[in-house]
């Protein structure tokens, strides 16, 4: 398996080494494997996840929502719940609610209840 140093990973994903360390520290990245010398070794899977994080950030998603999304992925929560969290940046109002505050990721639902909220339009396929 090919692995990359933090410098190589930073160059490949377009983020700084400091940002990669910060993402690991705040839980956006899982603990990164270490080589025999104690240095981080990023895998293909790590780089794919960083690519997704970069895209989420580019949508304007707040880091707090990205952290919640990462928690959902790690916990094995279903696709629909991750879309509910990650989809906030795709809504017509963007990632901001009508109040001007960032929308939050909410996955608490009872069986048979709808995820629709007053600020959310039902999704229809063309």
N, C-alpha and C. Protein backbone atom coordinates (compact mmCIF):
# COMPACT_ATOMS: atom_id res chain seq x y z
N UNK A 1 0.84 -1.17 0.00
CA UNK A 1 0.00 0.00 0.00
C UNK A 1 0.89 1.24 0.00
N UNK A 2 0.54 2.19 -0.85
CA UNK A 2 1.29 3.43 -0.94
C UNK A 2 0.80 4.39 0.13
N UNK A 3 1.71 5.05 0.80
CA UNK A 3 1.36 6.08 1.77
C UNK A 3 2.17 7.34 1.46
N UNK A 4 1.70 8.45 2.00
CA UNK A 4 2.35 9.73 1.75
C UNK A 4 2.63 10.43 3.07
N UNK A 5 3.72 11.18 3.06
CA UNK A 5 4.07 12.01 4.22
C UNK A 5 3.07 13.16 4.32
N UNK A 6 3.11 13.88 5.41
CA UNK A 6 2.19 15.00 5.57
C UNK A 6 2.43 16.08 4.51
N UNK A 7 3.70 16.30 4.15
CA UNK A 7 4.01 17.27 3.10
C UNK A 7 3.46 16.85 1.75
N UNK A 8 3.61 15.56 1.43
CA UNK A 8 3.08 15.04 0.16
C UNK A 8 1.55 15.09 0.15
N UNK A 9 0.94 14.72 1.28
CA UNK A 9 -0.53 14.75 1.37
C UNK A 9 -1.04 16.18 1.24
N UNK A 10 -0.37 17.12 1.89
CA UNK A 10 -0.78 18.52 1.82
C UNK A 10 -0.72 19.02 0.37
N UNK A 11 0.35 18.67 -0.32
CA UNK A 11 0.49 19.08 -1.71
C UNK A 11 -0.59 18.46 -2.59
N UNK A 12 -0.88 17.18 -2.39
CA UNK A 12 -1.87 16.48 -3.20
C UNK A 12 -3.28 17.03 -3.00
N UNK A 13 -3.63 17.42 -1.77
CA UNK A 13 -5.00 17.87 -1.53
C UNK A 13 -5.14 19.39 -1.51
N UNK A 14 -4.05 20.12 -1.60
CA UNK A 14 -4.11 21.57 -1.67
C UNK A 14 -4.37 22.26 -0.33
N UNK A 15 -4.06 21.56 0.76
CA UNK A 15 -4.18 22.14 2.09
C UNK A 15 -2.80 22.24 2.72
N UNK A 16 -2.69 23.05 3.75
CA UNK A 16 -1.40 23.17 4.42
C UNK A 16 -1.20 22.01 5.39
N UNK A 17 0.05 21.77 5.76
CA UNK A 17 0.36 20.75 6.76
C UNK A 17 -0.32 21.09 8.09
N UNK A 18 -0.34 22.37 8.42
CA UNK A 18 -0.99 22.81 9.65
C UNK A 18 -2.48 22.44 9.63
N UNK A 19 -3.15 22.66 8.49
CA UNK A 19 -4.57 22.33 8.37
C UNK A 19 -4.79 20.83 8.53
N UNK A 20 -3.91 20.01 7.95
CA UNK A 20 -4.06 18.56 8.09
C UNK A 20 -3.94 18.14 9.56
N UNK A 21 -3.00 18.72 10.27
CA UNK A 21 -2.85 18.41 11.70
C UNK A 21 -4.08 18.87 12.48
N UNK A 22 -4.59 20.07 12.15
CA UNK A 22 -5.77 20.61 12.82
C UNK A 22 -6.99 19.73 12.55
N UNK A 23 -7.19 19.33 11.28
CA UNK A 23 -8.32 18.45 10.94
C UNK A 23 -8.26 17.15 11.74
N UNK A 24 -7.06 16.62 11.93
CA UNK A 24 -6.93 15.40 12.73
C UNK A 24 -7.26 15.70 14.20
N UNK A 25 -6.76 16.81 14.72
CA UNK A 25 -6.96 17.16 16.12
C UNK A 25 -8.44 17.40 16.45
N UNK A 26 -9.20 18.01 15.54
CA UNK A 26 -10.62 18.31 15.82
C UNK A 26 -11.56 17.19 15.38
N UNK A 27 -11.00 16.12 14.84
CA UNK A 27 -11.82 14.96 14.52
C UNK A 27 -12.38 14.91 13.11
N UNK A 28 -11.96 15.83 12.24
CA UNK A 28 -12.40 15.73 10.84
C UNK A 28 -11.70 14.57 10.14
N UNK A 29 -10.50 14.27 10.58
CA UNK A 29 -9.77 13.10 10.09
C UNK A 29 -9.69 12.08 11.22
N UNK A 30 -9.73 10.82 10.88
CA UNK A 30 -9.48 9.81 11.92
C UNK A 30 -8.01 9.90 12.31
N UNK A 31 -7.62 9.26 13.40
CA UNK A 31 -6.19 9.25 13.73
C UNK A 31 -5.40 8.68 12.54
N UNK A 32 -4.41 9.42 12.10
CA UNK A 32 -3.62 9.03 10.94
C UNK A 32 -2.56 8.02 11.37
N UNK A 33 -2.39 6.99 10.56
CA UNK A 33 -1.37 5.97 10.84
C UNK A 33 -0.01 6.65 10.93
N UNK A 34 0.85 6.07 11.73
CA UNK A 34 2.22 6.60 11.89
C UNK A 34 3.21 5.55 11.43
N UNK A 35 4.28 6.01 10.83
CA UNK A 35 5.36 5.12 10.43
C UNK A 35 6.22 4.76 11.64
N UNK A 36 7.21 3.92 11.43
CA UNK A 36 8.12 3.52 12.49
C UNK A 36 8.84 4.69 13.12
N UNK A 37 8.96 5.78 12.38
CA UNK A 37 9.63 6.98 12.90
C UNK A 37 8.66 7.92 13.62
N UNK A 38 7.38 7.52 13.72
CA UNK A 38 6.39 8.34 14.41
C UNK A 38 5.73 9.40 13.56
N UNK A 39 6.13 9.49 12.29
CA UNK A 39 5.56 10.52 11.41
C UNK A 39 4.28 10.01 10.75
N UNK A 40 3.37 10.95 10.50
CA UNK A 40 2.11 10.60 9.87
C UNK A 40 2.34 10.02 8.48
N UNK A 41 1.54 8.99 8.14
CA UNK A 41 1.56 8.38 6.81
C UNK A 41 0.12 8.33 6.31
N UNK A 42 -0.20 9.14 5.33
CA UNK A 42 -1.56 9.25 4.79
C UNK A 42 -1.79 8.19 3.72
N UNK A 43 -2.94 7.53 3.79
CA UNK A 43 -3.30 6.49 2.82
C UNK A 43 -4.16 7.09 1.71
N UNK A 44 -4.44 6.27 0.69
CA UNK A 44 -5.36 6.69 -0.37
C UNK A 44 -6.72 7.05 0.21
N UNK A 45 -7.17 6.26 1.16
CA UNK A 45 -8.47 6.50 1.80
C UNK A 45 -8.47 7.85 2.52
N UNK A 46 -7.37 8.17 3.20
CA UNK A 46 -7.25 9.47 3.86
C UNK A 46 -7.33 10.61 2.85
N UNK A 47 -6.64 10.45 1.73
CA UNK A 47 -6.65 11.51 0.71
C UNK A 47 -8.02 11.66 0.07
N UNK A 48 -8.74 10.55 -0.12
CA UNK A 48 -10.10 10.63 -0.65
C UNK A 48 -11.01 11.39 0.32
N UNK A 49 -10.89 11.10 1.61
CA UNK A 49 -11.68 11.80 2.62
C UNK A 49 -11.33 13.28 2.64
N UNK A 50 -10.03 13.60 2.53
CA UNK A 50 -9.61 15.01 2.49
C UNK A 50 -10.19 15.72 1.27
N UNK A 51 -10.26 15.02 0.16
CA UNK A 51 -10.86 15.59 -1.05
C UNK A 51 -12.32 15.94 -0.80
N UNK A 52 -13.06 15.06 -0.14
CA UNK A 52 -14.45 15.33 0.18
C UNK A 52 -14.56 16.51 1.15
N UNK A 53 -13.71 16.54 2.18
CA UNK A 53 -13.74 17.65 3.13
C UNK A 53 -13.49 18.98 2.43
N UNK A 54 -12.56 18.98 1.49
CA UNK A 54 -12.24 20.20 0.75
C UNK A 54 -13.45 20.66 -0.05
N UNK A 55 -14.17 19.71 -0.64
CA UNK A 55 -15.37 20.06 -1.40
C UNK A 55 -16.48 20.57 -0.49
N UNK A 56 -16.66 19.95 0.67
CA UNK A 56 -17.67 20.43 1.61
C UNK A 56 -17.36 21.85 2.06
N UNK A 57 -16.09 22.10 2.35
CA UNK A 57 -15.67 23.44 2.80
C UNK A 57 -15.90 24.46 1.69
N UNK A 58 -15.66 24.06 0.44
CA UNK A 58 -15.84 24.97 -0.70
C UNK A 58 -17.31 25.37 -0.89
N UNK A 59 -18.24 24.56 -0.39
CA UNK A 59 -19.66 24.91 -0.48
C UNK A 59 -20.04 25.97 0.54
N UNK A 60 -19.13 26.24 1.48
CA UNK A 60 -19.43 27.17 2.54
C UNK A 60 -19.89 26.49 3.81
N UNK A 61 -19.81 25.16 3.85
CA UNK A 61 -20.24 24.44 5.04
C UNK A 61 -19.33 24.80 6.21
N UNK A 62 -19.92 25.18 7.33
CA UNK A 62 -19.10 25.49 8.51
C UNK A 62 -18.37 24.25 9.02
N UNK A 63 -17.22 24.46 9.61
CA UNK A 63 -16.41 23.35 10.14
C UNK A 63 -17.22 22.53 11.14
N UNK A 64 -18.03 23.18 11.95
CA UNK A 64 -18.84 22.46 12.94
C UNK A 64 -19.77 21.44 12.25
N UNK A 65 -20.37 21.83 11.13
CA UNK A 65 -21.23 20.90 10.38
C UNK A 65 -20.40 19.79 9.73
N UNK A 66 -19.19 20.13 9.30
CA UNK A 66 -18.31 19.11 8.74
C UNK A 66 -17.94 18.09 9.83
N UNK A 67 -17.73 18.57 11.04
CA UNK A 67 -17.42 17.66 12.15
C UNK A 67 -18.60 16.73 12.41
N UNK A 68 -19.81 17.26 12.39
CA UNK A 68 -21.00 16.44 12.61
C UNK A 68 -21.12 15.41 11.49
N UNK A 69 -20.87 15.81 10.26
CA UNK A 69 -20.93 14.89 9.13
C UNK A 69 -19.91 13.76 9.32
N UNK A 70 -18.70 14.12 9.72
CA UNK A 70 -17.66 13.11 9.94
C UNK A 70 -18.09 12.14 11.04
N UNK A 71 -18.72 12.66 12.10
CA UNK A 71 -19.23 11.78 13.17
C UNK A 71 -20.26 10.80 12.63
N UNK A 72 -21.16 11.30 11.78
CA UNK A 72 -22.20 10.44 11.21
C UNK A 72 -21.59 9.35 10.35
N UNK A 73 -20.62 9.70 9.55
CA UNK A 73 -19.96 8.70 8.69
C UNK A 73 -19.29 7.64 9.56
N UNK A 74 -18.53 8.07 10.56
CA UNK A 74 -17.83 7.12 11.43
C UNK A 74 -18.79 6.23 12.21
N UNK A 75 -19.96 6.76 12.57
CA UNK A 75 -20.91 5.99 13.36
C UNK A 75 -21.72 5.02 12.51
N UNK A 76 -21.60 5.14 11.18
CA UNK A 76 -22.34 4.24 10.30
C UNK A 76 -23.77 4.66 10.07
N UNK A 77 -24.12 5.90 10.40
CA UNK A 77 -25.48 6.38 10.17
C UNK A 77 -25.78 6.27 8.69
N UNK A 78 -27.03 6.03 8.38
CA UNK A 78 -27.47 5.82 7.00
C UNK A 78 -27.26 7.00 6.09
N UNK A 79 -27.33 6.73 4.81
CA UNK A 79 -27.12 7.72 3.75
C UNK A 79 -28.09 8.90 3.89
N UNK A 80 -29.36 8.63 4.16
CA UNK A 80 -30.36 9.71 4.23
C UNK A 80 -30.00 10.72 5.32
N UNK A 81 -29.54 10.25 6.46
CA UNK A 81 -29.17 11.15 7.54
C UNK A 81 -27.94 11.97 7.19
N UNK A 82 -26.98 11.36 6.47
CA UNK A 82 -25.79 12.12 6.06
C UNK A 82 -26.18 13.18 5.05
N UNK A 83 -27.11 12.86 4.15
CA UNK A 83 -27.58 13.84 3.17
C UNK A 83 -28.27 14.99 3.90
N UNK A 84 -29.07 14.67 4.92
CA UNK A 84 -29.74 15.71 5.71
C UNK A 84 -28.72 16.68 6.27
N UNK A 85 -27.62 16.17 6.77
CA UNK A 85 -26.57 17.01 7.34
C UNK A 85 -25.78 17.69 6.23
N UNK A 86 -25.27 16.94 5.29
CA UNK A 86 -24.41 17.48 4.24
C UNK A 86 -25.14 18.30 3.22
N UNK A 87 -26.43 18.11 3.09
CA UNK A 87 -27.21 18.80 2.08
C UNK A 87 -27.52 20.24 2.41
N UNK A 88 -27.20 20.70 3.60
CA UNK A 88 -27.56 22.06 3.98
C UNK A 88 -26.96 23.08 3.03
N UNK A 89 -25.79 22.80 2.50
CA UNK A 89 -25.14 23.76 1.62
C UNK A 89 -25.76 23.78 0.23
N UNK A 90 -26.59 22.76 -0.09
CA UNK A 90 -27.20 22.72 -1.41
C UNK A 90 -28.59 23.32 -1.45
N UNK A 91 -29.14 23.69 -0.31
CA UNK A 91 -30.47 24.27 -0.28
C UNK A 91 -30.47 25.61 -0.98
N UNK A 92 -31.64 26.02 -1.42
CA UNK A 92 -31.72 27.28 -2.17
C UNK A 92 -31.20 28.46 -1.37
N UNK A 93 -31.34 28.43 -0.05
CA UNK A 93 -30.83 29.52 0.78
C UNK A 93 -29.37 29.33 1.14
N UNK A 94 -28.74 28.29 0.63
CA UNK A 94 -27.36 28.00 0.98
C UNK A 94 -27.31 27.41 2.37
N UNK A 95 -26.14 27.46 3.01
CA UNK A 95 -26.00 26.84 4.33
C UNK A 95 -26.58 27.69 5.46
N UNK A 96 -27.23 28.79 5.12
CA UNK A 96 -27.74 29.70 6.14
C UNK A 96 -29.24 29.60 6.22
N UNK A 97 -29.77 29.68 7.42
CA UNK A 97 -31.21 29.62 7.63
C UNK A 97 -31.80 30.99 7.37
N UNK A 98 -33.13 31.07 7.40
CA UNK A 98 -33.81 32.33 7.17
C UNK A 98 -33.42 33.37 8.22
N UNK A 99 -32.99 32.93 9.40
CA UNK A 99 -32.61 33.85 10.46
C UNK A 99 -31.23 34.47 10.23
N UNK A 100 -30.51 33.97 9.21
CA UNK A 100 -29.17 34.47 8.96
C UNK A 100 -28.11 33.72 9.73
N UNK A 101 -28.51 32.73 10.53
CA UNK A 101 -27.56 31.91 11.28
C UNK A 101 -27.29 30.63 10.51
N UNK A 102 -26.13 30.03 10.71
CA UNK A 102 -25.86 28.76 10.04
C UNK A 102 -26.89 27.72 10.44
N UNK A 103 -27.34 26.94 9.47
CA UNK A 103 -28.25 25.85 9.79
C UNK A 103 -27.47 24.75 10.47
N UNK A 104 -28.15 23.95 11.28
CA UNK A 104 -27.47 22.88 12.00
C UNK A 104 -27.81 21.55 11.39
N UNK A 105 -26.97 20.57 11.65
CA UNK A 105 -27.23 19.21 11.20
C UNK A 105 -28.08 18.54 12.25
N UNK A 106 -29.19 18.04 11.84
CA UNK A 106 -30.06 17.35 12.79
C UNK A 106 -30.48 16.03 12.20
N UNK A 107 -30.24 14.97 12.94
CA UNK A 107 -30.61 13.65 12.45
C UNK A 107 -31.60 12.96 13.36
N UNK A 108 -32.05 13.62 14.41
CA UNK A 108 -32.97 12.99 15.33
C UNK A 108 -34.35 12.92 14.70
N UNK A 109 -34.80 11.71 14.43
CA UNK A 109 -36.10 11.48 13.84
C UNK A 109 -36.74 10.29 14.51
N UNK A 110 -38.03 10.35 14.67
CA UNK A 110 -38.76 9.18 15.13
C UNK A 110 -39.14 8.37 13.91
N UNK A 111 -39.38 7.10 14.12
CA UNK A 111 -39.79 6.24 13.01
C UNK A 111 -41.04 6.82 12.38
N UNK A 112 -41.01 6.97 11.07
CA UNK A 112 -42.17 7.44 10.33
C UNK A 112 -42.33 8.94 10.28
N UNK A 113 -41.41 9.70 10.84
CA UNK A 113 -41.53 11.15 10.78
C UNK A 113 -40.75 11.68 9.61
N UNK A 114 -41.14 12.83 9.17
CA UNK A 114 -40.51 13.45 8.02
C UNK A 114 -39.34 14.31 8.46
N UNK A 115 -38.37 14.45 7.58
CA UNK A 115 -37.21 15.30 7.87
C UNK A 115 -37.48 16.73 7.45
N UNK A 116 -38.65 17.00 6.86
CA UNK A 116 -38.95 18.34 6.36
C UNK A 116 -39.02 19.33 7.51
N UNK A 117 -38.56 20.53 7.26
CA UNK A 117 -38.64 21.60 8.24
C UNK A 117 -39.25 22.81 7.56
N UNK A 118 -39.65 23.82 8.31
CA UNK A 118 -40.25 25.00 7.69
C UNK A 118 -39.33 25.68 6.70
N UNK A 119 -38.02 25.56 6.85
CA UNK A 119 -37.06 26.22 5.95
C UNK A 119 -36.62 25.32 4.80
N UNK A 120 -37.22 24.15 4.70
CA UNK A 120 -36.76 23.20 3.69
C UNK A 120 -37.85 22.86 2.70
N UNK A 121 -37.51 22.94 1.44
CA UNK A 121 -38.43 22.53 0.38
C UNK A 121 -38.30 21.04 0.14
N UNK A 122 -39.39 20.38 -0.19
CA UNK A 122 -39.29 18.94 -0.52
C UNK A 122 -38.44 18.78 -1.78
N UNK A 123 -37.64 17.76 -1.80
CA UNK A 123 -36.79 17.48 -2.96
C UNK A 123 -37.59 16.72 -4.00
N UNK A 124 -37.56 17.20 -5.23
CA UNK A 124 -38.23 16.49 -6.33
C UNK A 124 -37.22 16.22 -7.41
N UNK A 125 -37.34 15.09 -8.03
CA UNK A 125 -36.45 14.74 -9.12
C UNK A 125 -37.00 15.26 -10.42
N UNK A 126 -36.14 15.75 -11.34
CA UNK A 126 -36.63 16.27 -12.63
C UNK A 126 -37.22 15.17 -13.48
